[in-house]
C-alpha atoms as a PDB file:
ATOM      1  CA  MET A   1      32.898   3.849   1.695  1.00  0.00           C
ATOM      2  CA  GLU A   2      31.103   1.414   4.026  1.00  0.00           C
ATOM      3  CA  ILE A   3      31.657   3.739   7.000  1.00  0.00           C
ATOM      4  CA  ASP A   4      29.987   6.604   5.125  1.00  0.00           C
ATOM      5  CA  SER A   5      27.032   4.366   4.249  1.00  0.00           C
ATOM      6  CA  ASN A   6      26.671   3.208   7.851  1.00  0.00           C
ATOM      7  CA  ARG A   7      26.840   6.776   9.100  1.00  0.00           C
ATOM      8  CA  LEU A   8      24.192   7.842   6.589  1.00  0.00           C
ATOM      9  CA  LEU A   9      21.928   4.961   7.619  1.00  0.00           C
ATOM     10  CA  LEU A  10      22.308   5.865  11.296  1.00  0.00           C
ATOM     11  CA  GLU A  11      21.465   9.486  10.548  1.00  0.00           C
ATOM     12  CA  LEU A  12      18.548   8.411   8.369  1.00  0.00           C
ATOM     13  CA  GLU A  13      17.122   6.273  11.200  1.00  0.00           C
ATOM     14  CA  LYS A  14      17.566   9.129  13.670  1.00  0.00           C
ATOM     15  CA  LYS A  15      15.811  11.585  11.331  1.00  0.00           C
ATOM     16  CA  ARG A  16      12.994   9.108  10.613  1.00  0.00           C
ATOM     17  CA  ARG A  17      12.451   8.623  14.344  1.00  0.00           C
ATOM     18  CA  GLU A  18      12.402  12.382  14.992  1.00  0.00           C
ATOM     19  CA  ILE A  19       9.931  13.070  12.182  1.00  0.00           C
ATOM     20  CA  ASN A  20       7.628  10.165  13.016  1.00  0.00           C
ATOM     21  CA  ARG A  21       7.651  10.993  16.716  1.00  0.00           C
ATOM     22  CA  SER A  22       6.944  14.697  16.080  1.00  0.00           C
ATOM     23  CA  ILE A  23       3.940  13.821  13.898  1.00  0.00           C
ATOM     24  CA  ILE A  24       2.500  10.715  15.596  1.00  0.00           C
ATOM     25  CA  ASN A  25       3.123  11.291  19.308  1.00  0.00           C
ATOM     26  CA  PRO A  26       1.047  14.493  19.667  1.00  0.00           C
ATOM     27  CA  ALA A  27      -1.916  12.824  17.937  1.00  0.00           C
ATOM     28  CA  ILE A  28      -2.138   9.776  20.240  1.00  0.00           C
ATOM     29  CA  PRO A  29      -2.477  10.020  24.020  1.00  0.00           C
ATOM     30  CA  GLU A  30       0.160   8.355  26.182  1.00  0.00           C
ATOM     31  CA  LEU A  31      -0.344   4.608  26.006  1.00  0.00           C
ATOM     32  CA  SER A  32      -0.564   2.068  28.791  1.00  0.00           C
ATOM     33  CA  LEU A  33      -1.633  -1.564  28.924  1.00  0.00           C
ATOM     34  CA  GLU A  34      -4.970  -0.378  30.263  1.00  0.00           C
ATOM     35  CA  ALA A  35      -5.411   1.976  27.305  1.00  0.00           C
ATOM     36  CA  LEU A  36      -4.446  -0.781  24.848  1.00  0.00           C
ATOM     37  CA  ASN A  37      -6.904  -3.304  26.287  1.00  0.00           C
ATOM     38  CA  PRO A  38      -9.910  -2.163  24.181  1.00  0.00           C
ATOM     39  CA  MET A  39      -7.825  -2.378  21.005  1.00  0.00           C
ATOM     40  CA  LEU A  40      -6.531  -5.845  21.861  1.00  0.00           C
ATOM     41  CA  THR A  41     -10.063  -6.964  22.699  1.00  0.00           C
ATOM     42  CA  MET A  42     -11.340  -5.610  19.387  1.00  0.00           C
ATOM     43  CA  VAL A  43      -8.717  -7.615  17.456  1.00  0.00           C
ATOM     44  CA  ALA A  44      -9.558 -10.753  19.434  1.00  0.00           C
ATOM     45  CA  GLN A  45     -13.279 -10.282  18.718  1.00  0.00           C
ATOM     46  CA  ALA A  46     -12.550  -9.910  14.995  1.00  0.00           C
ATOM     47  CA  ARG A  47     -10.436 -13.096  15.078  1.00  0.00           C
ATOM     48  CA  LYS A  48     -13.248 -14.918  16.872  1.00  0.00           C
ATOM     49  CA  ASN A  49     -15.833 -13.712  14.325  1.00  0.00           C
ATOM     50  CA  TYR A  50     -13.674 -14.860  11.412  1.00  0.00           C
ATOM     51  CA  LEU A  51     -12.993 -18.286  12.903  1.00  0.00           C
ATOM     52  CA  CYS A  52     -16.596 -18.796  14.003  1.00  0.00           C
ATOM     53  CA  CYS A  53     -17.765 -17.936  10.495  1.00  0.00           C
ATOM     54  CA  LEU A  54     -15.427 -20.579   9.100  1.00  0.00           C
ATOM     55  CA  THR A  55     -16.543 -23.266  11.544  1.00  0.00           C
ATOM     56  CA  GLU A  56     -20.231 -22.476  10.988  1.00  0.00           C
ATOM     57  CA  MET A  57     -19.687 -22.594   7.243  1.00  0.00           C
ATOM     58  CA  ALA A  58     -18.001 -25.982   7.506  1.00  0.00           C
ATOM     59  CA  LYS A  59     -20.887 -27.276   9.609  1.00  0.00           C
ATOM     60  CA  ASP A  60     -23.490 -25.904   7.171  1.00  0.00           C
ATOM     61  CA  CYS A  61     -21.690 -27.146   4.051  1.00  0.00           C
ATOM     62  CA  GLN A  62     -20.943 -30.619   5.452  1.00  0.00           C
ATOM     63  CA  GLY A  63     -17.945 -31.095   3.169  1.00  0.00           C
ATOM     64  CA  GLU A  64     -19.482 -29.412   0.115  1.00  0.00           C
ATOM     65  CA  ALA A  65     -18.093 -26.217  -1.384  1.00  0.00           C
ATOM     66  CA  PRO A  66     -19.561 -23.027   0.102  1.00  0.00           C
ATOM     67  CA  ASP A  67     -21.707 -20.794  -2.086  1.00  0.00           C
ATOM     68  CA  SER A  68     -20.680 -17.310  -3.179  1.00  0.00           C
ATOM     69  CA  GLN A  69     -22.676 -15.588  -0.409  1.00  0.00           C
ATOM     70  CA  GLN A  70     -20.964 -17.688   2.253  1.00  0.00           C
ATOM     71  CA  ILE A  71     -17.576 -16.837   0.761  1.00  0.00           C
ATOM     72  CA  GLU A  72     -18.481 -13.140   0.680  1.00  0.00           C
ATOM     73  CA  THR A  73     -19.447 -13.260   4.357  1.00  0.00           C
ATOM     74  CA  LEU A  74     -16.191 -15.039   5.246  1.00  0.00           C
ATOM     75  CA  ARG A  75     -14.214 -12.530   3.157  1.00  0.00           C
ATOM     76  CA  ALA A  76     -15.792  -9.616   5.022  1.00  0.00           C
ATOM     77  CA  PHE A  77     -14.799 -11.123   8.367  1.00  0.00           C
ATOM     78  CA  ARG A  78     -11.255 -11.768   7.079  1.00  0.00           C
ATOM     79  CA  GLU A  79     -10.862  -8.236   5.761  1.00  0.00           C
ATOM     80  CA  THR A  80     -11.950  -6.806   9.092  1.00  0.00           C
ATOM     81  CA  TYR A  81      -9.610  -9.110  10.983  1.00  0.00           C
ATOM     82  CA  ASP A  82      -6.661  -8.466   8.638  1.00  0.00           C
ATOM     83  CA  GLU A  83      -7.146  -4.709   8.813  1.00  0.00           C
ATOM     84  CA  LEU A  84      -7.258  -4.703  12.605  1.00  0.00           C
ATOM     85  CA  VAL A  85      -4.174  -6.938  12.855  1.00  0.00           C
ATOM     86  CA  SER A  86      -2.296  -4.637  10.460  1.00  0.00           C
ATOM     87  CA  ALA A  87      -3.245  -1.605  12.522  1.00  0.00           C
ATOM     88  CA  ALA A  88      -2.267  -3.309  15.788  1.00  0.00           C
ATOM     89  CA  ASN A  89       1.083  -4.287  14.243  1.00  0.00           C
ATOM     90  CA  ALA A  90       1.641  -0.708  13.071  1.00  0.00           C
ATOM     91  CA  LEU A  91       0.950   0.514  16.607  1.00  0.00           C
ATOM     92  CA  GLU A  92       3.371  -2.058  18.016  1.00  0.00           C
ATOM     93  CA  THR A  93       6.037  -0.889  15.571  1.00  0.00           C
ATOM     94  CA  ALA A  94       5.438   2.731  16.560  1.00  0.00           C
ATOM     95  CA  ILE A  95       5.915   1.773  20.211  1.00  0.00           C
ATOM     96  CA  GLN A  96       9.059  -0.264  19.465  1.00  0.00           C
ATOM     97  CA  ARG A  97      10.585   2.604  17.503  1.00  0.00           C
ATOM     98  CA  ASP A  98       9.785   5.083  20.277  1.00  0.00           C
ATOM     99  CA  TYR A  99       7.403   7.177  18.173  1.00  0.00           C
ATOM    100  CA  LEU A 100       4.900   7.160  21.041  1.00  0.00           C
ATOM    101  CA  ASP A 101       5.026   7.839  24.748  1.00  0.00           C
ATOM    102  CA  VAL A 102       4.135   4.840  26.882  1.00  0.00           C
ATOM    103  CA  ARG A 103       3.411   4.604  30.554  1.00  0.00           C
ATOM    104  CA  VAL A 104       4.146   1.538  32.617  1.00  0.00           C
ATOM    105  CA  THR A 105       2.436   1.449  35.974  1.00  0.00           C
ATOM    106  CA  ARG A 106       3.883  -0.508  38.889  1.00  0.00           C
ATOM    107  CA  ARG A 107       1.307  -3.260  38.421  1.00  0.00           C
ATOM    108  CA  GLU A 108       2.101  -3.538  34.678  1.00  0.00           C
ATOM    109  CA  SER A 109       5.869  -3.611  35.239  1.00  0.00           C
ATOM    110  CA  SER A 110       5.654  -6.320  37.900  1.00  0.00           C
ATOM    111  CA  ALA A 111       3.694  -8.570  35.512  1.00  0.00           C
ATOM    112  CA  SER A 112       6.565  -8.523  32.990  1.00  0.00           C
END
């Protein structure tokens, strides 16, 4: 029984990869480190904005609780950051599972 389950799971993974690749790969151009740089920079900027908001809030509040507007501003930065991190993680998963074509140039491969 376990062999049948393992075989089914292997076939399921193969089918999932085929379907995801056939749908996702044509929609996204071949990726390279150079192509990913703007996305990585965007996530880093969102992280910076979120953390800077927190540190500014702490400085402004001087140990007191922030007001509702300050919390709303912080929440907006967090939601942006969280959403971008989730998207970047989904892209990383798609690359790991071979749903997307990637290109490694000589310069990129020598840095690894």
